Protein backbone atom coordinates (compact mmCIF):
# COMPACT_ATOMS: atom_id res chain seq x y z
CA UNK A 1 0.00 0.00 0.00
CA UNK A 2 1.19 3.52 -0.83
CA UNK A 3 0.38 6.07 1.89
CA UNK A 4 0.90 9.79 1.38
CA UNK A 5 0.67 12.04 4.42
CA UNK A 6 0.50 15.84 4.34
CA UNK A 7 1.11 17.95 7.43
CA UNK A 8 2.66 21.11 8.81
CA UNK A 9 6.10 19.70 9.63
CA UNK A 10 8.16 17.67 12.08
CA UNK A 11 8.93 20.64 14.33
CA UNK A 12 5.43 20.77 15.84
CA UNK A 13 3.98 19.33 19.02
CA UNK A 14 1.45 16.57 19.64
CA UNK A 15 0.12 16.29 16.09
CA UNK A 16 3.61 15.87 14.64
CA UNK A 17 4.42 13.26 17.28
CA UNK A 18 1.32 11.19 16.54
CA UNK A 19 1.90 11.46 12.78
CA UNK A 20 5.48 10.26 13.20
CA UNK A 21 4.38 7.26 15.30
CA UNK A 22 1.82 6.21 12.67
CA UNK A 23 4.09 6.77 9.67
CA UNK A 24 6.99 4.92 11.29
CA UNK A 25 4.74 1.98 12.14
CA UNK A 26 3.51 1.72 8.55
CA UNK A 27 7.00 2.06 7.10
CA UNK A 28 8.37 -0.57 9.50
CA UNK A 29 5.94 -3.16 8.21
CA UNK A 30 6.79 -2.46 4.57
CA UNK A 31 4.21 0.08 3.36
CA UNK A 32 5.43 2.77 0.95
CA UNK A 33 5.18 6.01 2.91
CA UNK A 34 5.58 9.51 1.50
CA UNK A 35 5.53 12.52 3.82
CA UNK A 36 4.81 15.97 2.40
CA UNK A 37 5.11 18.97 4.70
CA UNK A 38 4.34 22.63 4.10
CA UNK A 39 7.50 23.93 5.80
CA UNK A 40 10.87 24.69 4.21
CA UNK A 41 12.71 22.04 6.23
CA UNK A 42 15.02 24.52 7.94
CA UNK A 43 13.62 24.07 11.46
CA UNK A 44 15.17 21.32 13.55
CA UNK A 45 12.77 18.35 13.58
CA UNK A 46 11.48 17.18 16.94
CA UNK A 47 10.93 13.63 15.73
CA UNK A 48 12.89 11.00 13.82
CA UNK A 49 11.44 9.29 10.76
CA UNK A 50 11.91 5.68 9.74
CA UNK A 51 14.65 5.61 7.06
CA UNK A 52 12.27 4.10 4.50
CA UNK A 53 10.00 7.17 4.58
CA UNK A 54 10.42 9.68 1.75
CA UNK A 55 10.06 13.21 3.11
CA UNK A 56 9.64 16.25 0.89
CA UNK A 57 9.29 19.82 2.17
CA UNK A 58 7.06 21.86 -0.15
CA UNK A 59 8.03 25.28 1.28
CA UNK A 60 4.50 26.70 1.01
CA UNK A 61 4.14 27.98 4.58
CA UNK A 62 4.37 31.75 4.26
CA UNK A 63 2.38 34.63 5.80
CA UNK A 64 0.23 36.80 3.54
CA UNK A 65 0.06 40.60 3.88
CA UNK A 66 -3.70 40.83 3.24
CA UNK A 67 -6.84 38.80 2.52
CA UNK A 68 -6.51 38.92 -1.27
CA UNK A 69 -2.90 37.75 -1.11
CA UNK A 70 -4.01 35.08 1.32
CA UNK A 71 -6.58 33.71 -1.12
CA UNK A 72 -4.03 33.66 -3.91
CA UNK A 73 -1.57 31.87 -1.62
CA UNK A 74 -4.15 29.20 -0.80
CA UNK A 75 -4.88 28.68 -4.50
CA UNK A 76 -1.16 28.35 -5.23
CA UNK A 77 -0.74 25.99 -2.28
CA UNK A 78 -3.53 23.76 -3.58
CA UNK A 79 -1.91 23.50 -7.03
CA UNK A 80 1.52 22.69 -5.61
CA UNK A 81 0.09 20.17 -3.16
CA UNK A 82 -2.06 18.46 -5.80
CA UNK A 83 0.93 17.97 -8.09
CA UNK A 84 3.11 16.68 -5.25
CA UNK A 85 0.49 14.19 -4.05
CA UNK A 86 -0.24 12.83 -7.52
CA UNK A 87 3.48 12.30 -8.11
CA UNK A 88 3.56 9.90 -5.15
CA UNK A 89 0.85 7.70 -6.75
CA UNK A 90 -0.94 7.11 -3.45
CA UNK A 91 -3.52 4.48 -2.58
CA UNK A 92 -4.64 6.73 0.27
CA UNK A 93 -3.98 10.30 1.42
CA UNK A 94 -3.97 11.35 5.09
CA UNK A 95 -3.67 14.82 6.60
CA UNK A 96 -3.71 16.39 10.08
CA UNK A 97 -4.94 19.81 11.32
CA UNK A 98 -8.02 21.78 10.24
CA UNK A 99 -6.68 24.16 7.59
CA UNK A 100 -4.28 21.56 6.23
CA UNK A 101 -7.21 19.16 5.93
CA UNK A 102 -9.28 21.68 3.99
CA UNK A 103 -6.40 22.34 1.59
CA UNK A 104 -5.84 18.60 1.09
CA UNK A 105 -9.50 17.90 0.35
CA UNK A 106 -9.67 20.79 -2.14
CA UNK A 107 -6.48 19.58 -3.82
CA UNK A 108 -7.79 16.03 -4.21
CA UNK A 109 -11.33 16.92 -5.23
CA UNK A 110 -10.85 16.02 -8.95
CA UNK A 111 -9.45 12.56 -8.12
CA UNK A 112 -10.98 9.33 -6.88
CA UNK A 113 -8.28 8.79 -4.26
CA UNK A 114 -9.45 8.14 -0.70
CA UNK A 115 -8.67 10.94 1.74
CA UNK A 116 -8.69 10.66 5.54
CA UNK A 117 -8.39 13.87 7.56
CA UNK A 118 -7.89 14.27 11.28
CA UNK A 119 -8.80 17.01 13.74
CA UNK A 120 -6.14 17.33 16.42
CA UNK A 121 -8.01 19.68 18.77
CA UNK A 122 -11.58 20.04 20.00
CA UNK A 123 -13.13 22.24 17.26
CA UNK A 124 -15.77 23.53 19.68
CA UNK A 125 -13.00 25.16 21.71
CA UNK A 126 -10.72 26.56 18.99
CA UNK A 127 -11.93 28.78 16.16
CA UNK A 128 -10.08 28.69 12.84
CA UNK A 129 -11.91 31.72 11.43
CA UNK A 130 -15.27 32.10 9.74
CA UNK A 131 -14.08 31.44 6.18
CA UNK A 132 -12.05 28.38 7.13
CA UNK A 133 -14.89 26.97 9.23
CA UNK A 134 -17.25 27.35 6.24
CA UNK A 135 -14.74 25.56 4.01
CA UNK A 136 -14.21 22.87 6.63
CA UNK A 137 -17.92 22.07 6.80
CA UNK A 138 -18.12 21.89 3.00
CA UNK A 139 -15.02 19.79 2.44
CA UNK A 140 -15.36 17.43 5.41
CA UNK A 141 -18.72 16.34 4.01
CA UNK A 142 -16.76 14.85 1.09
CA UNK A 143 -13.93 13.23 3.06
CA UNK A 144 -13.79 9.45 3.16
CA UNK A 145 -13.15 9.61 6.90
CA UNK A 146 -12.80 12.34 9.52
CA UNK A 147 -10.80 11.12 12.50
CA UNK A 148 -11.52 12.74 15.87
CA UNK A 149 -9.55 12.13 19.04
CA UNK A 150 -12.51 11.89 21.42
CA UNK A 151 -16.20 11.04 21.43
CA UNK A 152 -17.10 14.40 22.94
CA UNK A 153 -15.46 16.41 20.16
CA UNK A 154 -17.28 14.59 17.35
CA UNK A 155 -20.59 16.25 18.22
CA UNK A 156 -19.36 19.63 17.03
CA UNK A 157 -20.12 18.69 13.42
CA UNK A 158 -23.42 18.28 11.60
CA UNK A 159 -24.99 14.88 10.90
CA UNK A 160 -23.62 14.54 7.38
CA UNK A 161 -20.07 14.87 8.70
CA UNK A 162 -20.71 12.80 11.82
CA UNK A 163 -21.54 9.84 9.57
CA UNK A 164 -17.96 10.02 8.30
CA UNK A 165 -16.32 10.34 11.72
CA UNK A 166 -14.18 7.68 13.39
CA UNK A 167 -12.93 8.29 16.91
CA UNK A 168 -9.32 7.19 17.31
CA UNK A 169 -7.30 8.26 20.34
CA UNK A 170 -3.62 9.12 20.37
CA UNK A 171 -1.18 6.23 20.69
CA UNK A 172 0.82 5.98 23.88
CA UNK A 173 4.55 6.04 23.16
CA UNK A 174 7.02 5.46 25.98
CA UNK A 175 10.82 5.71 25.90
CA UNK A 176 12.96 2.80 27.14
CA UNK A 177 13.43 4.39 30.55
CA UNK A 178 9.66 4.27 31.07
CA UNK A 179 9.37 0.55 30.34
CA UNK A 180 7.98 -0.19 33.79
CA UNK A 181 5.60 1.89 35.94
CA UNK A 182 7.00 3.70 38.98
CA UNK A 183 6.53 2.62 42.59
CA UNK A 184 6.10 5.05 45.45
CA UNK A 185 9.41 5.58 47.22
CA UNK A 186 10.11 5.34 50.94
CA UNK A 187 11.25 8.97 51.00
CA UNK A 188 9.37 11.36 53.28
CA UNK A 189 9.34 14.02 50.52
CA UNK A 190 6.25 13.89 48.30
CA UNK A 191 5.60 15.69 45.03
CA UNK A 192 2.57 16.84 43.07
CA UNK A 193 3.39 17.42 39.42
CA UNK A 194 1.78 19.22 36.49
CA UNK A 195 3.12 19.61 32.97
CA UNK A 196 2.22 21.96 30.14
CA UNK A 197 2.66 25.37 28.57
CA UNK A 198 2.15 28.25 30.98
CA UNK A 199 -1.02 29.44 29.24
CA UNK A 200 -4.45 30.30 30.60
CA UNK A 201 -6.19 27.17 29.27
CA UNK A 202 -3.92 24.97 31.42
CA UNK A 203 -5.56 26.33 34.58
CA UNK A 204 -2.36 26.47 36.62
CA UNK A 205 -3.71 29.42 38.59
CA UNK A 206 -6.43 27.19 39.99
CA UNK A 207 -3.90 24.46 40.74
CA UNK A 208 -1.62 26.85 42.63
CA UNK A 209 -4.51 28.14 44.75
CA UNK A 210 -5.87 24.64 45.39
CA UNK A 211 -2.48 23.29 46.41
CA UNK A 212 -1.91 26.24 48.73
CA UNK A 213 -5.19 25.43 50.50
CA UNK A 214 -4.35 21.73 50.87
CA UNK A 215 -0.65 22.16 51.66
CA UNK A 216 -1.11 23.58 55.15
CA UNK A 217 -1.91 20.10 56.45
CA UNK A 218 0.88 18.42 54.47
CA UNK A 219 4.27 20.08 55.07
CA UNK A 220 6.17 17.26 53.32
CA UNK A 221 4.49 17.90 49.94
CA UNK A 222 5.64 20.21 47.12
CA UNK A 223 4.15 21.18 43.75
CA UNK A 224 6.24 21.31 40.57
CA UNK A 225 4.69 22.79 37.43
CA UNK A 226 6.94 21.94 34.47
CA UNK A 227 6.63 24.08 31.35
CA UNK A 228 7.20 27.53 29.93
CA UNK A 229 4.99 30.25 28.56
CA UNK A 230 3.59 33.75 28.73
CA UNK A 231 1.99 33.44 32.16
CA UNK A 232 5.23 32.74 34.02
CA UNK A 233 5.41 36.16 35.74
CA UNK A 234 1.72 36.05 36.67
CA UNK A 235 1.98 32.58 38.18
CA UNK A 236 5.20 33.41 40.03
CA UNK A 237 3.51 36.48 41.50
CA UNK A 238 0.59 34.31 42.61
CA UNK A 239 2.98 31.89 44.35
CA UNK A 240 4.64 34.81 46.19
CA UNK A 241 1.31 36.32 47.20
CA UNK A 242 0.34 33.01 48.80
CA UNK A 243 3.66 32.72 50.59
CA UNK A 244 4.39 29.40 48.88
CA UNK A 245 7.85 30.10 47.44
CA UNK A 246 9.36 27.10 49.21
CA UNK A 247 6.52 24.75 48.33
CA UNK A 248 5.49 25.58 44.76
CA UNK A 249 8.06 25.64 41.95
CA UNK A 250 7.97 26.53 38.25
CA UNK A 251 11.31 25.05 37.10
CA UNK A 252 10.72 25.55 33.36
CA UNK A 253 10.74 23.04 30.54
CA UNK A 254 12.18 19.56 30.89
CA UNK A 255 13.64 17.23 28.30
CA UNK A 256 13.09 14.32 30.67
CA UNK A 257 9.36 14.33 31.46
CA UNK A 258 9.27 10.62 32.28
CA UNK A 259 12.06 11.01 34.82
CA UNK A 260 10.06 13.82 36.46
CA UNK A 261 6.94 11.65 36.46
CA UNK A 262 8.88 8.82 38.09
CA UNK A 263 9.98 11.22 40.85
CA UNK A 264 6.39 12.35 41.55
CA UNK A 265 3.46 10.91 43.49
CA UNK A 266 0.39 12.75 42.14
CA UNK A 267 -0.21 14.22 38.69
CA UNK A 268 -2.80 16.97 38.14
CA UNK A 269 -4.42 18.11 34.88
CA UNK A 270 -6.07 21.44 35.70
CA UNK A 271 -6.91 22.47 32.11
CA UNK A 272 -10.24 23.91 31.09
CA UNK A 273 -9.79 22.60 27.54
CA UNK A 274 -7.65 19.92 25.89
CA UNK A 275 -7.43 18.38 22.42
CA UNK A 276 -6.23 15.07 23.81
CA UNK A 277 -4.36 15.10 27.15
CA UNK A 278 -1.15 13.25 26.31
CA UNK A 279 0.49 14.34 29.57
CA UNK A 280 -2.35 12.76 31.56
CA UNK A 281 -2.09 9.56 29.53
CA UNK A 282 1.66 9.37 30.13
CA UNK A 283 1.27 10.03 33.86
CA UNK A 284 -1.22 7.18 34.14
CA UNK A 285 1.07 4.90 32.15
CA UNK A 286 3.86 5.68 34.59
CA UNK A 287 1.72 4.60 37.55
CA UNK A 288 0.87 7.91 39.21
CA UNK A 289 -2.30 8.69 41.08
CA UNK A 290 -3.94 11.32 38.85
CA UNK A 291 -6.47 14.10 39.32
CA UNK A 292 -8.10 15.83 36.37
CA UNK A 293 -10.82 18.31 35.63
CA UNK A 294 -13.44 16.74 33.35
CA UNK A 295 -12.72 19.32 30.66
CA UNK A 296 -13.45 18.97 26.97
CA UNK A 297 -12.05 16.79 25.72
CA UNK A 298 -10.31 13.56 26.68
CA UNK A 299 -10.02 13.13 30.46
CA UNK A 300 -13.35 11.33 30.80
CA UNK A 301 -12.23 8.86 28.13
CA UNK A 302 -9.00 8.11 29.99
CA UNK A 303 -10.08 8.04 33.63
CA UNK A 304 -12.48 5.58 35.25
CA UNK A 305 -13.40 7.65 38.34
CA UNK A 306 -12.12 6.30 41.67
CA UNK A 307 -10.61 3.29 39.87
CA UNK A 308 -7.58 4.70 38.08
CA UNK A 309 -7.91 8.42 38.82
CA UNK A 310 -10.09 11.22 40.15
CA UNK A 311 -12.30 13.20 37.75
CA UNK A 312 -13.56 16.58 38.98
CA UNK A 313 -16.07 19.17 37.74
CA UNK A 314 -14.32 21.59 35.36
CA UNK A 315 -12.81 24.76 36.83
CA UNK A 316 -13.81 23.74 40.38
CA UNK A 317 -10.91 24.98 42.51
CA UNK A 318 -12.56 23.90 45.78
CA UNK A 319 -13.04 20.35 44.49
CA UNK A 320 -9.41 20.28 43.36
CA UNK A 321 -8.21 21.39 46.81
CA UNK A 322 -10.35 18.70 48.44
CA UNK A 323 -9.09 16.01 46.04
CA UNK A 324 -5.46 16.99 46.65
CA UNK A 325 -5.97 16.90 50.41
CA UNK A 326 -7.63 13.48 50.11
CA UNK A 327 -4.79 11.90 48.14
CA UNK A 328 -2.03 13.61 50.08
CA UNK A 329 -3.57 12.24 53.29
CA UNK A 330 -4.18 8.69 52.11
CA UNK A 331 -1.27 6.59 50.76
CA UNK A 332 -3.55 3.58 50.33
CA UNK A 333 -5.89 5.53 48.07
CA UNK A 334 -2.92 6.79 46.06
CA UNK A 335 -1.66 3.24 45.74
CA UNK A 336 -5.08 1.97 44.62
CA UNK A 337 -5.36 4.53 41.82
CA UNK A 338 -1.71 4.14 40.83
CA UNK A 339 -2.01 0.35 40.58
CA UNK A 340 -4.78 0.57 37.97
CA UNK A 341 -3.60 3.64 36.03
CA UNK A 342 -1.00 1.73 33.93
CA UNK A 343 -3.80 -0.24 32.27
CA UNK A 344 -3.80 2.61 29.73
CA UNK A 345 -0.65 1.00 28.31
CA UNK A 346 -2.85 -1.67 26.75
CA UNK A 347 -5.89 0.50 26.03
CA UNK A 348 -3.86 3.05 24.06
CA UNK A 349 -0.99 0.95 22.74
CA UNK A 350 0.53 1.90 19.39
CA UNK A 351 -0.46 -1.48 17.97
CA UNK A 352 -4.11 -0.99 18.88
CA UNK A 353 -4.28 2.60 17.57
CA UNK A 354 -2.51 1.70 14.30
CA UNK A 355 -4.94 -1.17 13.75
CA UNK A 356 -7.86 1.25 14.14
CA UNK A 357 -6.33 3.53 11.51
CA UNK A 358 -5.77 0.50 9.28
CA UNK A 359 -9.44 -0.40 9.50
CA UNK A 360 -10.55 3.08 8.44
CA UNK A 361 -8.01 3.14 5.59
CA UNK A 362 -9.34 -0.15 4.23
CA UNK A 363 -12.93 1.13 4.43
CA UNK A 364 -11.91 4.26 2.52
CA UNK A 365 -10.11 2.26 -0.17
CA UNK A 366 -13.11 -0.03 -0.62
CA UNK A 367 -15.42 3.00 -0.93
CA UNK A 368 -13.20 4.53 -3.61
CA UNK A 369 -13.29 1.28 -5.58
CA UNK A 370 -17.09 1.31 -5.48
CA UNK A 371 -17.12 4.93 -6.70
CA UNK A 372 -14.84 3.99 -9.58
């Protein structure tokens, strides 16, 4: 089978990581995989491709000075992309991200080649602009398959598009050092951990306040929020105002997230919106007791409440403080949640997720044959 994938580039975040996992899995089993990206290839890639994958940078990612120039740029991008895809002689075309998906579907409109597109965020929570949303609704209605990451996010679209939707979660990928789940240490020092960009949607302000309320009864506990972003000064000021400088830390980004997870006892996802919470998935895989707001979208599809984690009403700071106090007070409860959390390793294994993609690809290929 010849698979052609079109995306933004290998220097991105979660979407690029998932794409790389899928493409590498297909290449490893002998499929012919072509990767087309809109960047110029100058940025350092965050991910390594299987050597059998052919990667071509189309260099069509450029800002436009005005709306008219933007429309012309999109038209040019469609022509370049169409030519590049046809040259790969694909059996199926796959793309990630809303605007990229629209461009791909417009480029392939004259051809009877199956196209699968994937949303990588919750569209109800992130606007792509009125024109692009109009085009998305029009083009998605003609896609062979629209892959969503969660059940909750699928309901954003109308019925004609929902009939084409398949829900496929992100695959869990663990480095060698994370081969086995952690076990709680005998040390008296205990850590709560959070991980993510220091942006408003991550809800770290709520987490800081909630931890400060719970921490008074637990002097051996600290909170580490790993990540970087525009709210650093605001969050640091909040920590100072609460007098928690020696208990709450914002140490910046880490290149060793699994080592930090292994050193922690509780993981908290305090976001008010997520596309798919990879950090939560990884924390569960590592065997941490986890607490998460039931935000759109993803946490409710990872956590079985009181079995492998705690799921709280969104944006409820008081509930978060109570949950933290409960787990910090009760090592047996932490151990119960932590013992079941690694079951996500099977539920979201790469093999299982790739097989779900395979099934949708085969359906799309069969549909294209019927159309022909």
